[in-house]
Amino acid sequence: MNNNKEICLLNDSFPPQIDGVANTVVNYARVLRSEGKPVSVVTPNLPEADDSGFDYPVIRYPSVDLREYIGYTVGNPFSISTLSDINKRDIGLLHSHCPMMSNMVARSLKASLHVPLILTYHTKFDIDIANVVKLKGIQQGVIKAMIDNVSAADELWVVSDGAGKNIQNLGYEGSYVVMPNGVDIPKITRDRKEIAAEVKGVDIPEGMPVFLLVGRLMWYKGIRIILDAMAALKSQNLDFRMVFIGSGGDEAEVKRYVEELKLGDRVIFTGAIHDRELLTAWYCRADLLLFPSTYDTNGLVVREAAACGLGSVLVKGSCAAEGVTNGVDGLLIDENAASLAVCLARIMDSREAMGRIGQNASDNLYYSWDDSVKHAMERYDIVIDKFNSGRYRKRKKLTDASFRLSADIVEMMTYLREQRRSLGEFFDRYW
């Protein structure tokens, strides 16, 4: 980068709260620091947070803890003391990773610091919003506010072309730049079988085909397609093991469905695995990653699998399938169980074919965080130059209505948390 001013990263989640976007921010900060770039992170407060292990400032602002209900904290983006502290820093660029509260903070800082703002759109927020807010009218209002927030950025980055099309379908009228995320699992250099042997305590017969899903146990990940396909394979007297690594809000329902399909002898649930070496061993133990999700905008697990020489089965036209060639470095199916079952039945007896696809995935699809963030740094220079030369159109400033809306959201969320027990059935039905 051409200047030595600080890059300020903003997101609604950050360790100890871990999700894909929090992991993104951690890796951005790590690589920026390794390249000698000053960096800071701005994120909502968590009572259990300990930021002493980071070699850069983590600035936290007041928040309402709603993890029990929606999985996240809701920050107050207009904390005067927080904004005042950040305004004293020598910041050259703001990079927000969430189009909601974090970008409200970023917009406030942009107005006072007079620096460019980049927003990366990571997930299909309309689906996330629908999962949290049941009333259609409120959903539409939240989406409209989100699009207003997104449109205030000087440049919009998306992690895939599909993510860009998603936000345009929601009403965004601007352009976007595709900046894919990387993965923090290095390419393996040891023999896959040697690494796979590190998976212990799980009874999988030698030579048994092993399929894998890594991610949150939510139906929208394509889990029903997987389980129905497994039932179809079992009905054909084909033997296999299907391993689910992760946890999530639909976990209990997923497990009940496994019992309903009488797949208990073929399906293994490991729970969430945070040990990256153990996760790598599972990638090496499997023959194919099954990822029939049309929700995910980037499918980082596909690149994680590729790092370990594991190929993936993906839905044609999905974001996760971008750049994948059917039969070369992945397998592409229609979005239904029958298509998945036919695909697996044709290839599961050919270890050589599955291994070849995995090796090609490693050669063609792997993308490290070092490469990803260094690419972003090159783009940072372009954004700063365009901003300084006045080549970005004038963006909307925060209005009094925006302040009132944000305050109302925080106040409403606080009230709902405090009144959770008394609201009971209403909360479950509408939120």
Protein backbone atom coordinates (compact mmCIF):
# COMPACT_ATOMS: atom_id res chain seq x y z
CA MET A 1 0.00 0.00 0.00
CA ASN A 2 1.11 3.54 -0.76
CA ASN A 3 0.49 5.09 2.67
CA ASN A 4 0.96 4.04 6.26
CA LYS A 5 -2.33 5.12 7.71
CA GLU A 6 -4.38 2.65 9.74
CA ILE A 7 -6.91 0.27 8.21
CA CYS A 8 -9.99 0.05 10.43
CA LEU A 9 -11.92 -3.24 10.15
CA LEU A 10 -15.51 -3.33 11.45
CA ASN A 11 -17.82 -6.30 12.01
CA ASP A 12 -20.69 -7.37 14.25
CA SER A 13 -18.88 -10.56 15.31
CA PHE A 14 -15.34 -11.12 16.55
CA PRO A 15 -13.68 -13.62 18.91
CA PRO A 16 -14.68 -15.06 21.29
CA GLN A 17 -17.77 -15.14 19.05
CA ILE A 18 -16.74 -17.13 16.00
CA ASP A 19 -18.41 -17.39 12.62
CA GLY A 20 -17.17 -17.21 9.03
CA VAL A 21 -17.08 -13.42 8.89
CA ALA A 22 -15.35 -13.12 12.28
CA ASN A 23 -12.75 -15.52 10.95
CA THR A 24 -12.41 -13.29 7.88
CA VAL A 25 -11.72 -10.21 10.00
CA VAL A 26 -9.17 -12.08 12.13
CA ASN A 27 -7.30 -13.18 9.01
CA TYR A 28 -7.46 -9.73 7.40
CA ALA A 29 -5.95 -8.24 10.54
CA ARG A 30 -3.30 -10.98 10.78
CA VAL A 31 -2.09 -10.59 7.19
CA LEU A 32 -2.21 -6.79 7.28
CA ARG A 33 -0.06 -6.83 10.43
CA SER A 34 2.35 -9.34 8.86
CA GLU A 35 2.74 -6.89 5.98
CA GLY A 36 3.60 -4.10 8.43
CA LYS A 37 0.28 -2.28 8.07
CA PRO A 38 -1.34 -0.55 11.08
CA VAL A 39 -4.77 -2.05 11.73
CA SER A 40 -7.58 -1.83 14.28
CA VAL A 41 -10.85 -3.73 14.75
CA VAL A 42 -14.15 -2.16 15.87
CA THR A 43 -16.81 -4.57 17.13
CA PRO A 44 -19.62 -4.86 19.73
CA ASN A 45 -18.71 -5.62 23.32
CA LEU A 46 -18.95 -9.13 24.75
CA PRO A 47 -18.78 -9.63 28.53
CA GLU A 48 -16.32 -12.54 28.21
CA ALA A 49 -14.07 -10.90 25.60
CA ASP A 50 -10.32 -10.87 26.25
CA ASP A 51 -8.48 -9.04 23.48
CA SER A 52 -5.04 -9.10 25.12
CA GLY A 53 -3.83 -11.77 22.70
CA PHE A 54 -4.17 -9.54 19.64
CA ASP A 55 -1.25 -7.38 18.53
CA TYR A 56 -3.57 -4.60 17.35
CA PRO A 57 -6.27 -2.49 19.05
CA VAL A 58 -9.73 -4.06 19.37
CA ILE A 59 -12.19 -1.26 20.10
CA ARG A 60 -15.50 -2.46 21.49
CA TYR A 61 -18.69 -0.46 21.78
CA PRO A 62 -21.81 -1.02 23.95
CA SER A 63 -24.13 -3.81 22.85
CA VAL A 64 -27.19 -5.85 23.79
CA ASP A 65 -26.46 -9.56 24.15
CA LEU A 66 -29.08 -11.44 22.11
CA ARG A 67 -27.06 -14.55 21.34
CA GLU A 68 -29.61 -16.73 23.09
CA TYR A 69 -32.31 -15.60 20.65
CA ILE A 70 -30.71 -14.60 17.34
CA GLY A 71 -27.12 -15.81 17.78
CA TYR A 72 -25.53 -12.34 17.87
CA THR A 73 -25.04 -9.24 19.94
CA VAL A 74 -26.67 -6.03 18.70
CA GLY A 75 -24.37 -3.05 19.08
CA ASN A 76 -25.24 0.60 19.59
CA PRO A 77 -23.60 2.18 16.54
CA PHE A 78 -23.79 5.70 17.92
CA SER A 79 -21.88 5.35 21.17
CA ILE A 80 -20.44 8.85 21.54
CA SER A 81 -17.42 7.74 23.58
CA THR A 82 -16.52 5.01 21.10
CA LEU A 83 -16.80 7.28 18.07
CA SER A 84 -14.76 9.93 19.87
CA ASP A 85 -11.96 7.44 20.64
CA ILE A 86 -11.81 6.16 17.07
CA ASN A 87 -11.82 9.66 15.60
CA LYS A 88 -8.50 10.32 17.38
CA ARG A 89 -6.78 7.52 15.45
CA ASP A 90 -4.83 8.03 12.22
CA ILE A 91 -7.22 6.05 10.02
CA GLY A 92 -6.83 6.03 6.24
CA LEU A 93 -9.58 3.58 5.23
CA LEU A 94 -12.65 1.94 6.75
CA HIS A 95 -13.48 -1.63 5.78
CA SER A 96 -16.82 -2.87 7.08
CA HIS A 97 -17.75 -6.56 6.91
CA CYS A 98 -21.41 -6.28 7.92
CA PRO A 99 -24.13 -4.20 6.23
CA MET A 100 -26.06 -3.62 9.46
CA MET A 101 -24.88 -1.99 12.70
CA SER A 102 -21.16 -2.13 11.91
CA ASN A 103 -21.73 -0.18 8.73
CA MET A 104 -23.72 2.42 10.66
CA VAL A 105 -20.60 2.92 12.81
CA ALA A 106 -18.50 3.08 9.65
CA ARG A 107 -20.79 5.68 8.09
CA SER A 108 -20.52 7.88 11.18
CA LEU A 109 -16.73 7.60 11.12
CA LYS A 110 -16.57 8.26 7.38
CA ALA A 111 -18.41 11.54 7.85
CA SER A 112 -16.00 12.76 10.54
CA LEU A 113 -12.72 11.25 9.28
CA HIS A 114 -13.30 11.99 5.56
CA VAL A 115 -11.85 8.67 4.44
CA PRO A 116 -13.13 6.02 2.01
CA LEU A 117 -15.44 3.22 3.12
CA ILE A 118 -15.43 -0.30 1.66
CA LEU A 119 -18.17 -2.78 2.54
CA THR A 120 -17.77 -6.51 1.94
CA TYR A 121 -21.08 -8.37 1.52
CA HIS A 122 -20.47 -11.91 2.77
CA THR A 123 -23.83 -13.66 3.16
CA LYS A 124 -27.36 -13.59 1.79
CA PHE A 125 -28.74 -11.32 4.48
CA ASP A 126 -32.32 -11.59 3.23
CA ILE A 127 -32.29 -15.23 4.37
CA ASP A 128 -30.72 -14.31 7.71
CA ILE A 129 -33.31 -11.58 8.20
CA ALA A 130 -36.17 -13.95 7.35
CA ASN A 131 -34.84 -16.45 9.91
CA VAL A 132 -34.92 -13.80 12.64
CA VAL A 133 -37.94 -11.68 11.69
CA LYS A 134 -41.10 -13.57 10.70
CA LEU A 135 -43.36 -10.66 9.72
CA LYS A 136 -43.00 -9.88 6.00
CA GLY A 137 -43.59 -6.16 6.42
CA ILE A 138 -40.80 -5.84 8.97
CA GLN A 139 -38.52 -7.99 6.80
CA GLN A 140 -38.98 -5.60 3.88
CA GLY A 141 -38.28 -2.59 6.07
CA VAL A 142 -35.06 -4.11 7.43
CA ILE A 143 -33.90 -5.06 3.92
CA LYS A 144 -34.60 -1.53 2.68
CA ALA A 145 -32.54 -0.09 5.55
CA MET A 146 -29.75 -2.55 4.76
CA ILE A 147 -29.67 -1.53 1.08
CA ASP A 148 -29.49 2.12 2.15
CA ASN A 149 -26.52 1.19 4.33
CA VAL A 150 -24.80 -0.73 1.54
CA SER A 151 -25.31 2.12 -0.93
CA ALA A 152 -23.46 4.50 1.40
CA ALA A 153 -20.14 2.68 0.88
CA ASP A 154 -17.69 4.06 -1.68
CA GLU A 155 -17.07 0.56 -3.00
CA LEU A 156 -18.94 -2.70 -2.51
CA TRP A 157 -16.98 -5.94 -2.45
CA VAL A 158 -18.67 -9.32 -2.70
CA VAL A 159 -17.16 -12.76 -2.09
CA SER A 160 -18.68 -14.21 -5.28
CA ASP A 161 -20.57 -13.06 -8.33
CA GLY A 162 -23.66 -14.81 -6.95
CA ALA A 163 -23.46 -12.68 -3.82
CA GLY A 164 -23.39 -9.56 -6.00
CA LYS A 165 -26.44 -10.69 -7.96
CA ASN A 166 -28.23 -11.47 -4.68
CA ILE A 167 -27.86 -7.94 -3.34
CA GLN A 168 -28.80 -6.42 -6.69
CA ASN A 169 -31.98 -8.52 -6.62
CA LEU A 170 -32.73 -6.96 -3.22
CA GLY A 171 -32.60 -3.45 -4.67
CA TYR A 172 -28.96 -2.41 -4.72
CA GLU A 173 -28.36 -0.40 -7.90
CA GLY A 174 -24.61 0.09 -7.84
CA SER A 175 -21.67 -1.93 -9.09
CA TYR A 176 -19.55 -4.38 -7.13
CA VAL A 177 -16.07 -5.92 -7.13
CA VAL A 178 -15.62 -9.68 -6.59
CA MET A 179 -12.99 -10.26 -3.88
CA PRO A 180 -13.09 -13.92 -2.79
CA ASN A 181 -12.09 -14.91 0.72
CA GLY A 182 -9.23 -17.29 1.45
CA VAL A 183 -8.87 -20.24 3.81
CA ASP A 184 -6.58 -20.70 6.79
CA ILE A 185 -5.85 -24.39 6.23
CA PRO A 186 -2.52 -24.68 4.39
CA LYS A 187 -2.16 -27.05 1.47
CA ILE A 188 -1.17 -30.46 2.80
CA THR A 189 2.27 -31.75 1.87
CA ARG A 190 2.01 -35.12 3.66
CA ASP A 191 0.22 -38.24 2.46
CA ARG A 192 -3.57 -37.97 2.94
CA LYS A 193 -3.80 -41.46 4.46
CA GLU A 194 -1.16 -40.57 7.03
CA ILE A 195 -3.10 -37.48 8.10
CA ALA A 196 -6.45 -39.33 8.03
CA ALA A 197 -5.07 -41.82 10.56
CA GLU A 198 -5.20 -39.00 13.13
CA VAL A 199 -9.00 -39.42 13.28
CA LYS A 200 -9.39 -41.74 16.25
CA GLY A 201 -12.29 -43.24 18.15
CA VAL A 202 -14.64 -43.43 15.16
CA ASP A 203 -15.50 -46.86 13.79
CA ILE A 204 -15.30 -46.61 10.00
CA PRO A 205 -14.39 -49.88 8.23
CA GLU A 206 -11.35 -49.83 5.97
CA GLY A 207 -12.30 -49.04 2.37
CA MET A 208 -15.72 -47.64 3.32
CA PRO A 209 -16.74 -44.61 1.21
CA VAL A 210 -16.92 -41.55 3.49
CA PHE A 211 -18.91 -38.42 2.67
CA LEU A 212 -18.53 -35.24 4.70
CA LEU A 213 -20.39 -32.01 5.46
CA VAL A 214 -18.67 -29.26 7.45
CA GLY A 215 -20.81 -26.34 8.61
CA ARG A 216 -23.74 -25.25 10.70
CA LEU A 217 -26.50 -27.83 11.04
CA MET A 218 -29.20 -25.72 9.43
CA TRP A 219 -31.67 -27.04 6.87
CA TYR A 220 -30.80 -24.26 4.42
CA LYS A 221 -27.35 -25.84 4.04
CA GLY A 222 -28.93 -28.56 1.89
CA ILE A 223 -28.96 -31.15 4.68
CA ARG A 224 -32.35 -32.60 3.73
CA ILE A 225 -31.05 -33.21 0.20
CA ILE A 226 -28.07 -35.07 1.66
CA LEU A 227 -30.13 -37.24 4.01
CA ASP A 228 -32.72 -38.13 1.39
CA ALA A 229 -29.88 -39.09 -0.97
CA MET A 230 -28.31 -41.24 1.76
CA ALA A 231 -31.65 -43.01 2.22
CA ALA A 232 -31.80 -43.65 -1.54
CA LEU A 233 -28.28 -45.13 -1.51
CA LYS A 234 -29.14 -47.36 1.44
CA SER A 235 -32.25 -48.61 -0.38
CA GLN A 236 -29.89 -49.75 -3.17
CA ASN A 237 -27.86 -51.74 -0.60
CA LEU A 238 -24.88 -49.39 -1.03
CA ASP A 239 -22.77 -48.96 2.08
CA PHE A 240 -21.14 -45.69 3.17
CA ARG A 241 -20.63 -43.34 6.12
CA MET A 242 -21.96 -39.78 6.15
CA VAL A 243 -20.15 -37.51 8.63
CA PHE A 244 -21.60 -34.19 9.80
CA ILE A 245 -19.12 -31.82 11.47
CA GLY A 246 -20.78 -28.84 13.13
CA SER A 247 -23.68 -27.76 15.27
CA GLY A 248 -26.60 -25.40 14.77
CA GLY A 249 -30.17 -24.42 15.44
CA ASP A 250 -31.70 -27.29 13.43
CA GLU A 251 -29.47 -29.97 14.94
CA ALA A 252 -32.20 -31.70 16.95
CA GLU A 253 -34.54 -31.82 13.93
CA VAL A 254 -31.76 -33.14 11.70
CA LYS A 255 -31.00 -35.95 14.13
CA ARG A 256 -34.68 -36.85 14.40
CA TYR A 257 -34.88 -37.02 10.61
CA VAL A 258 -31.85 -39.35 10.55
CA GLU A 259 -33.72 -41.72 12.89
CA GLU A 260 -36.90 -41.39 10.84
CA LEU A 261 -34.98 -42.48 7.73
CA LYS A 262 -33.31 -45.30 9.72
CA LEU A 263 -29.85 -43.98 8.88
CA GLY A 264 -28.44 -44.18 12.40
CA ASP A 265 -25.96 -46.89 11.34
CA ARG A 266 -24.62 -44.82 8.44
CA VAL A 267 -24.55 -41.24 9.81
CA ILE A 268 -21.99 -39.83 12.27
CA PHE A 269 -22.30 -36.51 14.12
CA THR A 270 -19.02 -35.20 15.55
CA GLY A 271 -20.26 -31.85 16.82
CA ALA A 272 -18.31 -28.66 16.08
CA ILE A 273 -14.56 -29.14 15.64
CA HIS A 274 -12.39 -26.08 16.31
CA ASP A 275 -9.06 -27.94 16.24
CA ARG A 276 -7.81 -27.20 12.71
CA GLU A 277 -5.48 -30.22 12.68
CA LEU A 278 -8.34 -32.58 13.56
CA LEU A 279 -10.57 -30.91 10.97
CA THR A 280 -7.80 -31.35 8.39
CA ALA A 281 -7.61 -35.04 9.31
CA TRP A 282 -11.35 -35.41 8.65
CA TYR A 283 -11.00 -33.71 5.26
CA CYS A 284 -8.28 -36.23 4.46
CA ARG A 285 -10.34 -39.15 5.77
CA ALA A 286 -13.31 -38.34 3.51
CA ASP A 287 -13.73 -39.22 -0.15
CA LEU A 288 -16.06 -36.33 -1.07
CA LEU A 289 -17.38 -33.17 0.56
CA LEU A 290 -21.15 -32.85 0.05
CA PHE A 291 -22.19 -29.20 -0.09
CA PRO A 292 -25.56 -28.85 -1.87
CA SER A 293 -26.13 -25.36 -0.46
CA THR A 294 -27.53 -22.48 -2.48
CA TYR A 295 -27.48 -20.23 0.60
CA ASP A 296 -23.73 -19.81 0.98
CA THR A 297 -22.14 -17.04 -1.05
CA ASN A 298 -18.57 -18.33 -1.05
CA GLY A 299 -18.40 -21.89 0.31
CA LEU A 300 -15.08 -21.61 2.15
CA VAL A 301 -15.37 -25.28 3.13
CA VAL A 302 -14.97 -26.13 -0.57
CA ARG A 303 -11.55 -24.44 -0.58
CA GLU A 304 -10.68 -25.93 2.82
CA ALA A 305 -11.44 -29.35 1.37
CA ALA A 306 -9.37 -28.51 -1.70
CA ALA A 307 -6.41 -27.68 0.55
CA CYS A 308 -6.60 -31.29 1.73
CA GLY A 309 -7.00 -32.83 -1.72
CA LEU A 310 -10.74 -33.42 -1.26
CA GLY A 311 -13.24 -32.74 -4.04
CA SER A 312 -16.78 -31.44 -3.52
CA VAL A 313 -20.27 -32.17 -4.82
CA LEU A 314 -22.05 -28.85 -5.46
CA VAL A 315 -25.29 -27.51 -6.93
CA LYS A 316 -25.04 -26.23 -10.50
CA GLY A 317 -25.22 -22.44 -10.59
CA SER A 318 -24.66 -22.01 -6.85
CA CYS A 319 -22.12 -19.51 -5.51
CA ALA A 320 -20.05 -22.36 -4.09
CA ALA A 321 -19.82 -23.89 -7.58
CA GLU A 322 -18.35 -20.77 -9.21
CA GLY A 323 -15.13 -21.71 -10.98
CA VAL A 324 -15.71 -25.47 -10.58
CA THR A 325 -15.67 -27.67 -13.70
CA ASN A 326 -17.90 -30.73 -13.49
CA GLY A 327 -15.92 -33.97 -13.46
CA VAL A 328 -12.58 -32.14 -13.31
CA ASP A 329 -12.21 -30.41 -9.94
CA GLY A 330 -15.70 -31.07 -8.56
CA LEU A 331 -19.03 -32.71 -9.26
CA LEU A 332 -22.12 -30.64 -10.09
CA ILE A 333 -25.71 -31.75 -9.46
CA ASP A 334 -29.24 -30.42 -9.65
CA GLU A 335 -30.67 -29.14 -6.38
CA ASN A 336 -32.44 -32.36 -5.35
CA ALA A 337 -31.74 -35.64 -3.59
CA ALA A 338 -32.26 -37.82 -6.64
CA SER A 339 -29.51 -36.01 -8.56
CA LEU A 340 -27.12 -36.31 -5.60
CA ALA A 341 -27.88 -40.01 -5.15
CA VAL A 342 -27.25 -40.77 -8.84
CA CYS A 343 -23.98 -38.81 -8.76
CA LEU A 344 -22.69 -40.66 -5.69
CA ALA A 345 -23.82 -44.09 -6.85
CA ARG A 346 -21.82 -43.64 -10.06
CA ILE A 347 -18.56 -42.64 -8.40
CA MET A 348 -18.43 -44.03 -4.86
CA ASP A 349 -16.75 -47.28 -5.88
CA SER A 350 -13.98 -45.46 -7.76
CA ARG A 351 -11.42 -44.18 -5.26
CA GLU A 352 -9.17 -43.29 -8.17
CA ALA A 353 -11.76 -40.96 -9.74
CA MET A 354 -12.58 -39.28 -6.42
CA GLY A 355 -8.88 -38.87 -5.68
CA ARG A 356 -8.22 -37.33 -9.10
CA ILE A 357 -11.00 -34.78 -8.60
CA GLY A 358 -9.58 -33.95 -5.16
CA GLN A 359 -6.09 -33.36 -6.55
CA ASN A 360 -7.46 -31.14 -9.31
CA ALA A 361 -9.43 -29.18 -6.69
CA SER A 362 -6.19 -28.64 -4.78
CA ASP A 363 -4.46 -27.43 -7.94
CA ASN A 364 -7.30 -25.23 -9.25
CA LEU A 365 -9.46 -24.00 -6.36
CA TYR A 366 -7.22 -23.43 -3.35
CA TYR A 367 -6.85 -19.79 -2.29
CA SER A 368 -5.00 -18.82 0.87
CA TRP A 369 -5.77 -15.91 3.17
CA ASP A 370 -2.32 -14.47 2.43
CA ASP A 371 -3.19 -14.31 -1.27
CA SER A 372 -6.69 -13.01 -0.60
CA VAL A 373 -5.67 -10.15 1.70
CA LYS A 374 -2.67 -9.15 -0.42
CA HIS A 375 -5.09 -8.85 -3.34
CA ALA A 376 -7.32 -6.70 -1.13
CA MET A 377 -4.37 -4.49 -0.20
CA GLU A 378 -3.72 -3.79 -3.87
CA ARG A 379 -7.36 -2.77 -4.22
CA TYR A 380 -7.12 -0.59 -1.09
CA ASP A 381 -4.57 1.57 -2.94
CA ILE A 382 -6.95 2.00 -5.88
CA VAL A 383 -9.86 2.91 -3.58
CA ILE A 384 -7.79 5.49 -1.67
CA ASP A 385 -6.51 7.07 -4.90
CA LYS A 386 -10.03 7.25 -6.38
CA PHE A 387 -11.40 8.74 -3.16
CA ASN A 388 -8.66 11.37 -2.90
CA SER A 389 -9.15 12.38 -6.54
CA GLY A 390 -12.92 12.71 -6.09
CA ARG A 391 -13.84 9.92 -8.51
CA TYR A 392 -16.47 8.37 -6.25
CA ARG A 393 -19.96 9.80 -6.40
CA LYS A 394 -21.21 11.65 -3.36
CA ARG A 395 -22.65 9.19 -0.85
CA LYS A 396 -25.64 9.57 1.43
CA LYS A 397 -24.88 10.95 4.85
CA LEU A 398 -26.48 9.65 8.00
CA THR A 399 -29.72 11.47 8.66
CA ASP A 400 -31.65 12.12 11.85
CA ALA A 401 -34.00 9.37 10.71
CA SER A 402 -31.07 6.93 10.56
CA PHE A 403 -30.07 7.83 14.09
CA ARG A 404 -33.64 7.40 15.32
CA LEU A 405 -34.03 4.07 13.50
CA SER A 406 -30.84 2.69 15.01
CA ALA A 407 -31.80 3.86 18.49
CA ASP A 408 -35.26 2.33 18.08
CA ILE A 409 -33.75 -1.02 17.03
CA VAL A 410 -31.41 -1.12 20.01
CA GLU A 411 -34.19 -0.07 22.38
CA MET A 412 -36.59 -2.66 20.92
CA MET A 413 -34.03 -5.46 21.13
CA THR A 414 -33.23 -4.56 24.73
CA TYR A 415 -36.92 -4.58 25.63
CA LEU A 416 -37.50 -7.93 23.93
CA ARG A 417 -34.60 -9.48 25.80
CA GLU A 418 -35.87 -8.20 29.15
CA GLN A 419 -39.45 -9.25 28.43
CA ARG A 420 -38.58 -12.60 26.82
CA ARG A 421 -40.36 -14.77 29.38
CA SER A 422 -43.51 -12.74 29.56
CA LEU A 423 -43.74 -12.37 25.78
CA GLY A 424 -43.23 -16.11 25.34
CA GLU A 425 -45.45 -17.30 22.51
CA PHE A 426 -45.40 -13.92 20.71
CA PHE A 427 -41.59 -13.90 20.60
CA ASP A 428 -41.43 -17.45 19.26
CA ARG A 429 -44.00 -16.71 16.59
CA TYR A 430 -42.74 -13.41 15.26
CA TRP A 431 -39.02 -13.19 16.16
